[in-house]
């Protein structure tokens, strides 16, 4: 039997149909959920979030965040001059929503906050620091790689 244009056309359409079925099967395995819960509610609170960002940008001494690889710790240094600092730090992982978590904190007298990162999975993390001193709220995000 000789290979002619009819065989080639049948082979082409057969491979096309198989690849189309494979794409449909793979698309059913993908999670199509939103990146964050209550996405639309957070969108309505954008002006409040914008004011927190503006307050953070007006600080004379910005927030410093760094990761110590040997100690496997994340350190956050708040600006000096604030006595009572409280808020929360959210560890956001863009790859997997199930790994996100939030830790509240309250500092009095010291400006350094440390978190142990040995239990965090390696990869990109966004650290969202939502804090306030007195009645002024602040917000800052930092991307780190663990």
Protein backbone atom coordinates (compact mmCIF):
# COMPACT_ATOMS: atom_id res chain seq x y z
CA UNK A 1 0.00 0.00 0.00
CA UNK A 2 1.29 3.40 -0.98
CA UNK A 3 1.10 6.52 1.15
CA UNK A 4 -0.86 9.15 -0.80
CA UNK A 5 -2.46 12.50 -0.10
CA UNK A 6 -5.65 10.89 1.22
CA UNK A 7 -3.70 8.99 3.87
CA UNK A 8 -1.86 12.18 4.83
CA UNK A 9 -5.11 14.09 5.15
CA UNK A 10 -6.63 11.36 7.33
CA UNK A 11 -3.49 11.26 9.48
CA UNK A 12 -3.54 15.06 9.87
CA UNK A 13 -7.20 15.17 10.96
CA UNK A 14 -6.69 12.20 13.27
CA UNK A 15 -3.75 13.88 15.04
CA UNK A 16 -5.71 17.14 15.21
CA UNK A 17 -8.68 15.41 16.86
CA UNK A 18 -6.41 13.59 19.36
CA UNK A 19 -4.62 16.80 20.33
CA UNK A 20 -7.95 18.60 20.72
CA UNK A 21 -9.22 15.87 23.04
CA UNK A 22 -5.96 16.05 25.04
CA UNK A 23 -6.33 19.84 25.48
CA UNK A 24 -9.94 19.45 26.67
CA UNK A 25 -8.93 16.76 29.18
CA UNK A 26 -6.07 18.90 30.51
CA UNK A 27 -8.31 21.98 30.84
CA UNK A 28 -10.69 20.08 33.13
CA UNK A 29 -7.80 19.43 35.54
CA UNK A 30 -6.96 23.15 35.95
CA UNK A 31 -8.32 25.10 38.94
CA UNK A 32 -10.19 28.15 37.61
CA UNK A 33 -10.93 29.77 40.97
CA UNK A 34 -10.17 33.41 41.74
CA UNK A 35 -6.75 34.28 43.17
CA UNK A 36 -8.17 35.50 46.48
CA UNK A 37 -11.38 34.86 48.35
CA UNK A 38 -13.92 37.71 48.38
CA UNK A 39 -12.21 39.35 45.40
CA UNK A 40 -15.06 41.77 44.69
CA UNK A 41 -15.35 42.93 48.31
CA UNK A 42 -11.63 43.71 48.34
CA UNK A 43 -12.04 45.69 45.14
CA UNK A 44 -14.58 47.95 46.85
CA UNK A 45 -12.10 48.68 49.66
CA UNK A 46 -9.44 49.92 47.24
CA UNK A 47 -9.51 53.58 48.37
CA UNK A 48 -8.72 52.57 51.96
CA UNK A 49 -5.88 50.40 50.68
CA UNK A 50 -4.58 53.27 48.53
CA UNK A 51 -4.46 55.58 51.57
CA UNK A 52 -2.45 52.98 53.51
CA UNK A 53 0.04 52.78 50.63
CA UNK A 54 0.30 56.58 50.51
CA UNK A 55 0.99 56.69 54.27
CA UNK A 56 3.77 54.11 53.84
CA UNK A 57 5.39 56.07 51.04
CA UNK A 58 5.47 59.22 53.17
CA UNK A 59 7.53 57.59 55.92
CA UNK A 60 10.99 59.11 56.33
CA UNK A 61 12.41 55.66 57.05
CA UNK A 62 10.74 52.86 55.06
CA UNK A 63 9.96 49.39 56.33
CA UNK A 64 12.88 46.96 55.82
CA UNK A 65 12.26 43.28 55.11
CA UNK A 66 14.99 40.70 54.63
CA UNK A 67 15.46 36.96 54.81
CA UNK A 68 18.35 35.26 56.56
CA UNK A 69 19.16 32.03 54.69
CA UNK A 70 21.27 30.45 57.43
CA UNK A 71 18.82 31.15 60.25
CA UNK A 72 15.82 30.47 57.99
CA UNK A 73 14.04 33.53 59.34
CA UNK A 74 12.26 36.54 57.89
CA UNK A 75 12.98 39.84 59.63
CA UNK A 76 10.87 42.99 59.44
CA UNK A 77 12.33 46.23 60.81
CA UNK A 78 9.80 48.96 61.45
CA UNK A 79 10.81 52.64 61.40
CA UNK A 80 11.98 54.20 64.63
CA UNK A 81 9.77 56.61 66.52
CA UNK A 82 6.70 54.37 66.70
CA UNK A 83 5.94 53.06 70.17
CA UNK A 84 2.84 50.91 69.74
CA UNK A 85 2.78 48.92 66.49
CA UNK A 86 0.12 46.34 65.71
CA UNK A 87 -1.17 44.63 62.61
CA UNK A 88 -0.85 41.46 60.61
CA UNK A 89 1.56 39.86 58.17
CA UNK A 90 0.09 37.80 55.34
CA UNK A 91 2.25 35.21 53.63
CA UNK A 92 0.77 34.95 50.13
CA UNK A 93 1.84 32.24 47.70
CA UNK A 94 0.66 32.95 44.12
CA UNK A 95 1.12 29.31 43.12
CA UNK A 96 -1.14 27.72 45.74
CA UNK A 97 -3.91 29.47 47.67
CA UNK A 98 -3.96 26.68 50.28
CA UNK A 99 -0.50 27.72 51.55
CA UNK A 100 -1.51 31.33 52.33
CA UNK A 101 -1.72 32.32 55.98
CA UNK A 102 -1.95 35.43 58.14
CA UNK A 103 -0.15 36.07 61.42
CA UNK A 104 -1.23 38.94 63.72
CA UNK A 105 1.41 40.80 65.71
CA UNK A 106 1.73 43.48 68.36
CA UNK A 107 5.01 45.22 69.16
CA UNK A 108 5.68 47.49 72.05
CA UNK A 109 9.08 49.04 72.60
CA UNK A 110 10.99 47.16 69.91
CA UNK A 111 10.82 47.61 66.16
CA UNK A 112 12.04 44.20 64.96
CA UNK A 113 9.72 41.33 64.09
CA UNK A 114 11.03 37.88 63.13
CA UNK A 115 9.28 34.85 61.62
CA UNK A 116 10.61 31.35 61.22
CA UNK A 117 10.51 30.29 57.53
CA UNK A 118 11.79 26.71 57.79
CA UNK A 119 8.26 25.26 57.30
CA UNK A 120 7.50 27.34 54.18
CA UNK A 121 7.72 25.67 50.79
CA UNK A 122 10.46 26.99 48.50
CA UNK A 123 9.44 29.46 45.85
CA UNK A 124 8.08 32.98 45.45
CA UNK A 125 6.16 34.47 48.39
CA UNK A 126 4.58 37.89 48.70
CA UNK A 127 4.77 39.31 52.21
CA UNK A 128 1.87 41.71 52.84
CA UNK A 129 2.40 43.84 55.94
CA UNK A 130 -0.73 45.67 57.11
CA UNK A 131 0.09 47.65 60.25
CA UNK A 132 -0.80 50.74 62.19
CA UNK A 133 0.67 52.96 64.83
CA UNK A 134 -1.81 55.05 66.73
CA UNK A 135 -4.64 55.80 64.33
CA UNK A 136 -2.53 55.90 61.14
CA UNK A 137 -2.67 52.73 58.98
CA UNK A 138 0.19 51.57 56.75
CA UNK A 139 0.62 48.84 54.14
CA UNK A 140 3.58 47.41 52.26
CA UNK A 141 4.21 44.38 50.06
CA UNK A 142 7.55 42.68 49.50
CA UNK A 143 8.32 39.73 47.23
CA UNK A 144 10.84 37.23 48.57
CA UNK A 145 12.12 33.92 47.32
CA UNK A 146 12.50 31.07 49.79
